């Protein structure tokens, strides 16, 4: 993710939203990224799934 600034920023946003405190993740985004923790991998997976959904052309718009 480090090579794609926008995807990394999105992963950080998901990570921070899903794991807002030490009760959810004992370490912050930077360290989780370095260690490849499950929390980081889940945030990245969420971003990649969202990117695929948002890129789908044949999906009807909700708004």
N, C-alpha and C. Protein backbone atom coordinates (compact mmCIF):
# COMPACT_ATOMS: atom_id res chain seq x y z
N UNK A 1 0.81 -1.19 0.00
CA UNK A 1 0.00 0.00 0.00
C UNK A 1 0.85 1.26 0.00
N UNK A 2 2.07 1.17 0.42
CA UNK A 2 2.89 2.37 0.54
C UNK A 2 3.12 3.06 -0.80
N UNK A 3 3.06 2.33 -1.89
CA UNK A 3 3.29 2.93 -3.20
C UNK A 3 2.05 3.65 -3.73
N UNK A 4 0.88 3.38 -3.17
CA UNK A 4 -0.36 4.03 -3.61
C UNK A 4 -0.87 4.90 -2.47
N UNK A 5 -0.61 6.19 -2.57
CA UNK A 5 -0.91 7.13 -1.49
C UNK A 5 -2.40 7.16 -1.18
N UNK A 6 -3.23 7.16 -2.21
CA UNK A 6 -4.69 7.24 -1.98
C UNK A 6 -5.23 5.98 -1.32
N UNK A 7 -4.79 4.82 -1.76
CA UNK A 7 -5.26 3.58 -1.13
C UNK A 7 -4.75 3.46 0.31
N UNK A 8 -3.54 3.92 0.54
CA UNK A 8 -2.99 3.88 1.90
C UNK A 8 -3.78 4.81 2.81
N UNK A 9 -4.13 5.98 2.31
CA UNK A 9 -4.92 6.93 3.10
C UNK A 9 -6.30 6.35 3.39
N UNK A 10 -6.88 5.67 2.42
CA UNK A 10 -8.18 5.04 2.63
C UNK A 10 -8.07 3.92 3.66
N UNK A 11 -6.99 3.14 3.59
CA UNK A 11 -6.79 2.06 4.57
C UNK A 11 -6.62 2.64 5.96
N UNK A 12 -5.92 3.75 6.07
CA UNK A 12 -5.77 4.41 7.37
C UNK A 12 -7.13 4.88 7.89
N UNK A 13 -7.95 5.44 7.02
CA UNK A 13 -9.27 5.91 7.43
C UNK A 13 -10.14 4.75 7.92
N UNK A 14 -10.11 3.64 7.20
CA UNK A 14 -10.87 2.45 7.63
C UNK A 14 -10.32 1.94 8.95
N UNK A 15 -9.01 1.83 9.05
CA UNK A 15 -8.37 1.35 10.28
C UNK A 15 -8.78 2.22 11.46
N UNK A 16 -8.68 3.53 11.30
CA UNK A 16 -9.01 4.45 12.40
C UNK A 16 -10.49 4.41 12.76
N UNK A 17 -11.35 4.19 11.77
CA UNK A 17 -12.79 4.12 12.03
C UNK A 17 -13.17 2.81 12.72
N UNK A 18 -12.53 1.74 12.32
CA UNK A 18 -12.87 0.42 12.87
C UNK A 18 -12.15 0.11 14.17
N UNK A 19 -10.99 0.69 14.35
CA UNK A 19 -10.17 0.43 15.54
C UNK A 19 -9.79 1.77 16.18
N UNK A 20 -10.78 2.47 16.77
CA UNK A 20 -10.56 3.84 17.25
C UNK A 20 -9.75 3.96 18.54
N UNK A 21 -9.55 2.88 19.23
CA UNK A 21 -8.83 3.00 20.51
C UNK A 21 -8.01 1.74 20.77
N UNK A 22 -7.26 1.78 21.87
CA UNK A 22 -6.45 0.62 22.25
C UNK A 22 -7.30 -0.59 22.60
N UNK A 23 -8.58 -0.37 22.87
CA UNK A 23 -9.46 -1.50 23.16
C UNK A 23 -9.66 -2.38 21.93
N UNK A 24 -9.55 -1.77 20.74
CA UNK A 24 -9.77 -2.49 19.48
C UNK A 24 -8.47 -2.97 18.86
N UNK A 25 -7.47 -2.14 18.87
CA UNK A 25 -6.16 -2.49 18.32
C UNK A 25 -5.10 -1.92 19.25
N UNK A 26 -4.20 -2.75 19.72
CA UNK A 26 -3.22 -2.28 20.70
C UNK A 26 -2.14 -1.37 20.12
N UNK A 27 -2.08 -1.28 18.79
CA UNK A 27 -1.07 -0.43 18.15
C UNK A 27 -1.74 0.44 17.09
N UNK A 28 -1.07 1.51 16.71
CA UNK A 28 -1.59 2.42 15.70
C UNK A 28 -1.38 1.91 14.28
N UNK A 29 -1.88 2.68 13.34
CA UNK A 29 -1.83 2.29 11.93
C UNK A 29 -0.41 2.05 11.43
N UNK A 30 0.49 2.97 11.73
CA UNK A 30 1.87 2.87 11.22
C UNK A 30 2.52 1.56 11.63
N UNK A 31 2.44 1.24 12.91
CA UNK A 31 3.05 0.01 13.40
C UNK A 31 2.31 -1.22 12.89
N UNK A 32 0.99 -1.13 12.82
CA UNK A 32 0.20 -2.25 12.30
C UNK A 32 0.58 -2.53 10.85
N UNK A 33 0.83 -1.47 10.09
CA UNK A 33 1.25 -1.62 8.69
C UNK A 33 2.62 -2.30 8.62
N UNK A 34 3.54 -1.86 9.45
CA UNK A 34 4.89 -2.44 9.45
C UNK A 34 4.85 -3.92 9.83
N UNK A 35 4.02 -4.25 10.79
CA UNK A 35 3.94 -5.64 11.27
C UNK A 35 3.00 -6.51 10.43
N UNK A 36 2.16 -5.88 9.64
CA UNK A 36 1.19 -6.64 8.85
C UNK A 36 0.16 -7.35 9.72
N UNK A 37 -0.32 -6.64 10.74
CA UNK A 37 -1.26 -7.25 11.69
C UNK A 37 -2.60 -7.56 11.02
N UNK A 38 -3.38 -8.36 11.69
CA UNK A 38 -4.71 -8.71 11.19
C UNK A 38 -5.57 -7.46 11.05
N UNK A 39 -5.41 -6.52 11.95
CA UNK A 39 -6.18 -5.27 11.87
C UNK A 39 -5.84 -4.51 10.59
N UNK A 40 -4.57 -4.42 10.29
CA UNK A 40 -4.14 -3.74 9.07
C UNK A 40 -4.63 -4.49 7.84
N UNK A 41 -4.46 -5.80 7.82
CA UNK A 41 -4.89 -6.59 6.66
C UNK A 41 -6.39 -6.48 6.43
N UNK A 42 -7.17 -6.41 7.50
CA UNK A 42 -8.62 -6.25 7.35
C UNK A 42 -8.96 -4.88 6.79
N UNK A 43 -8.27 -3.85 7.21
CA UNK A 43 -8.51 -2.50 6.69
C UNK A 43 -8.18 -2.44 5.20
N UNK A 44 -7.07 -3.04 4.81
CA UNK A 44 -6.67 -3.07 3.40
C UNK A 44 -7.70 -3.86 2.58
N UNK A 45 -8.13 -4.99 3.09
CA UNK A 45 -9.13 -5.79 2.38
C UNK A 45 -10.42 -5.00 2.19
N UNK A 46 -10.84 -4.27 3.20
CA UNK A 46 -12.05 -3.45 3.09
C UNK A 46 -11.90 -2.40 2.00
N UNK A 47 -10.75 -1.76 1.94
CA UNK A 47 -10.50 -0.74 0.92
C UNK A 47 -10.51 -1.36 -0.47
N UNK A 48 -9.88 -2.51 -0.62
CA UNK A 48 -9.83 -3.15 -1.94
C UNK A 48 -11.22 -3.60 -2.38
N UNK A 49 -12.03 -4.09 -1.45
CA UNK A 49 -13.40 -4.48 -1.79
C UNK A 49 -14.23 -3.27 -2.18
N UNK A 50 -14.07 -2.19 -1.45
CA UNK A 50 -14.79 -0.95 -1.78
C UNK A 50 -14.36 -0.41 -3.13
N UNK A 51 -13.07 -0.45 -3.40
CA UNK A 51 -12.57 0.05 -4.68
C UNK A 51 -13.18 -0.75 -5.83
N UNK A 52 -13.27 -2.05 -5.66
CA UNK A 52 -13.86 -2.88 -6.71
C UNK A 52 -15.34 -2.55 -6.90
N UNK A 53 -16.05 -2.34 -5.82
CA UNK A 53 -17.47 -2.00 -5.91
C UNK A 53 -17.67 -0.63 -6.55
N UNK A 54 -16.87 0.33 -6.16
CA UNK A 54 -17.00 1.67 -6.71
C UNK A 54 -16.60 1.75 -8.18
N UNK A 55 -15.74 0.84 -8.60
CA UNK A 55 -15.28 0.83 -9.98
C UNK A 55 -16.24 0.10 -10.91
N UNK A 56 -17.17 -0.65 -10.36
CA UNK A 56 -18.10 -1.42 -11.18
C UNK A 56 -19.00 -0.47 -11.97
N UNK A 57 -18.95 -0.57 -13.27
CA UNK A 57 -19.70 0.34 -14.14
C UNK A 57 -21.16 -0.07 -14.24
N UNK A 58 -21.42 -1.34 -14.20
CA UNK A 58 -22.78 -1.82 -14.44
C UNK A 58 -23.69 -1.77 -13.22
N UNK A 59 -23.21 -1.26 -12.11
CA UNK A 59 -24.02 -1.18 -10.91
C UNK A 59 -24.89 0.09 -10.95
N UNK A 60 -26.18 -0.04 -10.60
CA UNK A 60 -27.01 1.16 -10.54
C UNK A 60 -26.61 2.06 -9.38
N UNK A 61 -26.79 3.35 -9.55
CA UNK A 61 -26.44 4.31 -8.49
C UNK A 61 -27.54 4.32 -7.44
N UNK A 62 -27.14 4.44 -6.20
CA UNK A 62 -28.10 4.47 -5.10
C UNK A 62 -28.75 5.84 -4.94
N UNK A 63 -28.06 6.88 -5.33
CA UNK A 63 -28.60 8.23 -5.16
C UNK A 63 -29.11 8.79 -6.45
